[in-house]
Amino acid sequence: MDETTYLPDTEYHALVRTLLRFAPLLNIEPSAWTGTITEDEIKLALGEQFDIWPESIREMAEED
């Protein structure tokens, strides 16, 4: 993706919860600790693969 997308936190967390419901259909590596796909794996995939982040981290991300 060419551009970073920041979603309002409530929308971002709703997206994560929705995607978690479909976790078995997603090509995401399960957690090394739990052996399952958790919200953390969904968040990592959204950020690393699609450059989608919650608005609450924008300021911190733009400082880097």
N, C-alpha and C. Protein backbone atom coordinates (compact mmCIF):
# COMPACT_ATOMS: atom_id res chain seq x y z
N MET A 1 0.84 -1.16 0.00
CA MET A 1 0.00 0.00 0.00
C MET A 1 0.89 1.24 0.00
N ASP A 2 0.52 2.23 -0.76
CA ASP A 2 1.34 3.42 -0.89
C ASP A 2 1.16 4.40 0.24
N GLU A 3 0.04 4.35 0.92
CA GLU A 3 -0.26 5.39 1.89
C GLU A 3 -0.71 4.76 3.21
N THR A 4 -0.26 5.34 4.29
CA THR A 4 -0.67 4.88 5.61
C THR A 4 -2.10 5.33 5.87
N THR A 5 -2.89 4.43 6.41
CA THR A 5 -4.27 4.74 6.77
C THR A 5 -4.42 4.66 8.27
N TYR A 6 -4.97 5.72 8.85
CA TYR A 6 -5.27 5.74 10.27
C TYR A 6 -6.78 5.78 10.43
N LEU A 7 -7.31 4.79 11.11
CA LEU A 7 -8.75 4.74 11.37
C LEU A 7 -9.02 5.23 12.78
N PRO A 8 -10.19 5.84 12.99
CA PRO A 8 -10.55 6.16 14.37
C PRO A 8 -10.48 4.88 15.22
N ASP A 9 -10.03 5.04 16.44
CA ASP A 9 -9.80 3.86 17.28
C ASP A 9 -10.98 2.91 17.36
N THR A 10 -12.19 3.44 17.49
CA THR A 10 -13.36 2.57 17.60
C THR A 10 -13.57 1.76 16.33
N GLU A 11 -13.36 2.38 15.17
CA GLU A 11 -13.50 1.66 13.90
C GLU A 11 -12.38 0.63 13.74
N TYR A 12 -11.18 1.00 14.12
CA TYR A 12 -10.04 0.09 14.02
C TYR A 12 -10.29 -1.16 14.86
N HIS A 13 -10.70 -0.97 16.11
CA HIS A 13 -10.92 -2.12 17.00
C HIS A 13 -12.11 -2.95 16.54
N ALA A 14 -13.13 -2.33 15.96
CA ALA A 14 -14.26 -3.08 15.39
C ALA A 14 -13.78 -3.92 14.21
N LEU A 15 -12.91 -3.37 13.38
CA LEU A 15 -12.35 -4.11 12.25
C LEU A 15 -11.55 -5.30 12.74
N VAL A 16 -10.72 -5.10 13.75
CA VAL A 16 -9.92 -6.20 14.30
C VAL A 16 -10.83 -7.31 14.82
N ARG A 17 -11.87 -6.95 15.57
CA ARG A 17 -12.80 -7.96 16.11
C ARG A 17 -13.52 -8.70 15.00
N THR A 18 -13.92 -7.98 13.96
CA THR A 18 -14.60 -8.62 12.82
C THR A 18 -13.66 -9.59 12.12
N LEU A 19 -12.44 -9.17 11.85
CA LEU A 19 -11.48 -10.04 11.18
C LEU A 19 -11.13 -11.26 12.03
N LEU A 20 -11.12 -11.08 13.34
CA LEU A 20 -10.82 -12.20 14.23
C LEU A 20 -11.87 -13.31 14.09
N ARG A 21 -13.11 -12.92 13.82
CA ARG A 21 -14.17 -13.91 13.62
C ARG A 21 -13.89 -14.79 12.39
N PHE A 22 -13.15 -14.27 11.43
CA PHE A 22 -12.84 -14.99 10.21
C PHE A 22 -11.40 -15.49 10.19
N ALA A 23 -10.77 -15.52 11.33
CA ALA A 23 -9.36 -15.89 11.44
C ALA A 23 -9.00 -17.18 10.71
N PRO A 24 -9.81 -18.23 10.79
CA PRO A 24 -9.43 -19.46 10.10
C PRO A 24 -9.31 -19.30 8.58
N LEU A 25 -9.97 -18.31 8.02
CA LEU A 25 -9.93 -18.09 6.57
C LEU A 25 -8.77 -17.20 6.13
N LEU A 26 -8.14 -16.56 7.09
CA LEU A 26 -7.07 -15.61 6.78
C LEU A 26 -5.72 -16.31 6.74
N ASN A 27 -4.85 -15.82 5.92
CA ASN A 27 -3.50 -16.38 5.80
C ASN A 27 -2.58 -15.64 6.76
N ILE A 28 -2.81 -15.86 8.06
CA ILE A 28 -2.05 -15.18 9.11
C ILE A 28 -1.43 -16.25 10.01
N GLU A 29 -0.16 -16.04 10.32
CA GLU A 29 0.53 -16.98 11.21
C GLU A 29 -0.06 -16.90 12.62
N PRO A 30 -0.33 -18.04 13.23
CA PRO A 30 -0.82 -18.02 14.61
C PRO A 30 0.25 -17.55 15.59
N SER A 31 -0.18 -17.17 16.76
CA SER A 31 0.73 -16.75 17.81
C SER A 31 1.65 -17.89 18.20
N ALA A 32 2.91 -17.58 18.39
CA ALA A 32 3.87 -18.59 18.83
C ALA A 32 3.57 -19.03 20.26
N TRP A 33 2.89 -18.17 21.02
CA TRP A 33 2.59 -18.46 22.42
C TRP A 33 1.32 -19.28 22.58
N THR A 34 0.28 -18.91 21.84
CA THR A 34 -1.02 -19.57 22.03
C THR A 34 -1.34 -20.61 20.98
N GLY A 35 -0.67 -20.52 19.83
CA GLY A 35 -0.96 -21.45 18.74
C GLY A 35 -2.23 -21.08 17.99
N THR A 36 -2.82 -19.94 18.33
CA THR A 36 -4.03 -19.48 17.65
C THR A 36 -3.81 -18.07 17.12
N ILE A 37 -4.72 -17.63 16.28
CA ILE A 37 -4.67 -16.26 15.80
C ILE A 37 -5.41 -15.39 16.81
N THR A 38 -4.71 -14.44 17.37
CA THR A 38 -5.28 -13.55 18.36
C THR A 38 -5.45 -12.16 17.75
N GLU A 39 -6.01 -11.24 18.53
CA GLU A 39 -6.14 -9.86 18.05
C GLU A 39 -4.77 -9.28 17.69
N ASP A 40 -3.75 -9.67 18.42
CA ASP A 40 -2.41 -9.14 18.13
C ASP A 40 -1.94 -9.52 16.74
N GLU A 41 -2.21 -10.76 16.31
CA GLU A 41 -1.80 -11.18 14.97
C GLU A 41 -2.58 -10.42 13.90
N ILE A 42 -3.87 -10.17 14.17
CA ILE A 42 -4.68 -9.39 13.23
C ILE A 42 -4.12 -7.97 13.12
N LYS A 43 -3.81 -7.36 14.25
CA LYS A 43 -3.26 -6.00 14.26
C LYS A 43 -1.93 -5.95 13.52
N LEU A 44 -1.09 -6.94 13.74
CA LEU A 44 0.20 -6.99 13.07
C LEU A 44 0.02 -7.10 11.55
N ALA A 45 -0.90 -7.95 11.13
CA ALA A 45 -1.15 -8.10 9.69
C ALA A 45 -1.72 -6.81 9.09
N LEU A 46 -2.65 -6.17 9.78
CA LEU A 46 -3.21 -4.91 9.27
C LEU A 46 -2.10 -3.87 9.10
N GLY A 47 -1.21 -3.79 10.07
CA GLY A 47 -0.14 -2.80 9.99
C GLY A 47 0.92 -3.14 8.97
N GLU A 48 1.44 -4.35 9.04
CA GLU A 48 2.57 -4.72 8.17
C GLU A 48 2.15 -4.95 6.73
N GLN A 49 1.00 -5.57 6.51
CA GLN A 49 0.59 -5.90 5.14
C GLN A 49 -0.21 -4.80 4.46
N PHE A 50 -1.01 -4.07 5.26
CA PHE A 50 -1.91 -3.09 4.65
C PHE A 50 -1.68 -1.66 5.11
N ASP A 51 -0.76 -1.46 6.05
CA ASP A 51 -0.43 -0.13 6.57
C ASP A 51 -1.66 0.58 7.12
N ILE A 52 -2.47 -0.19 7.89
CA ILE A 52 -3.66 0.34 8.54
C ILE A 52 -3.41 0.32 10.04
N TRP A 53 -3.60 1.49 10.67
CA TRP A 53 -3.28 1.66 12.08
C TRP A 53 -4.38 2.44 12.79
N PRO A 54 -4.43 2.33 14.13
CA PRO A 54 -5.39 3.14 14.87
C PRO A 54 -4.92 4.60 14.95
N GLU A 55 -5.86 5.50 14.94
CA GLU A 55 -5.56 6.93 15.01
C GLU A 55 -4.71 7.28 16.24
N SER A 56 -4.89 6.53 17.32
CA SER A 56 -4.21 6.86 18.57
C SER A 56 -2.69 6.74 18.48
N ILE A 57 -2.16 6.08 17.46
CA ILE A 57 -0.70 5.99 17.34
C ILE A 57 -0.12 6.94 16.30
N ARG A 58 -0.96 7.69 15.63
CA ARG A 58 -0.48 8.56 14.54
C ARG A 58 0.63 9.48 14.99
N GLU A 59 0.44 10.20 16.08
CA GLU A 59 1.43 11.17 16.54
C GLU A 59 2.77 10.49 16.81
N MET A 60 2.73 9.36 17.49
CA MET A 60 3.95 8.62 17.81
C MET A 60 4.62 8.13 16.52
N ALA A 61 3.83 7.62 15.57
CA ALA A 61 4.38 7.10 14.33
C ALA A 61 5.01 8.20 13.49
N GLU A 62 4.40 9.36 13.48
CA GLU A 62 4.92 10.47 12.68
C GLU A 62 6.18 11.08 13.28
N GLU A 63 6.45 10.82 14.56
CA GLU A 63 7.69 11.29 15.18
C GLU A 63 8.89 10.49 14.71
N ASP A 64 8.68 9.25 14.31
CA ASP A 64 9.78 8.37 13.88
C ASP A 64 10.28 8.69 12.54
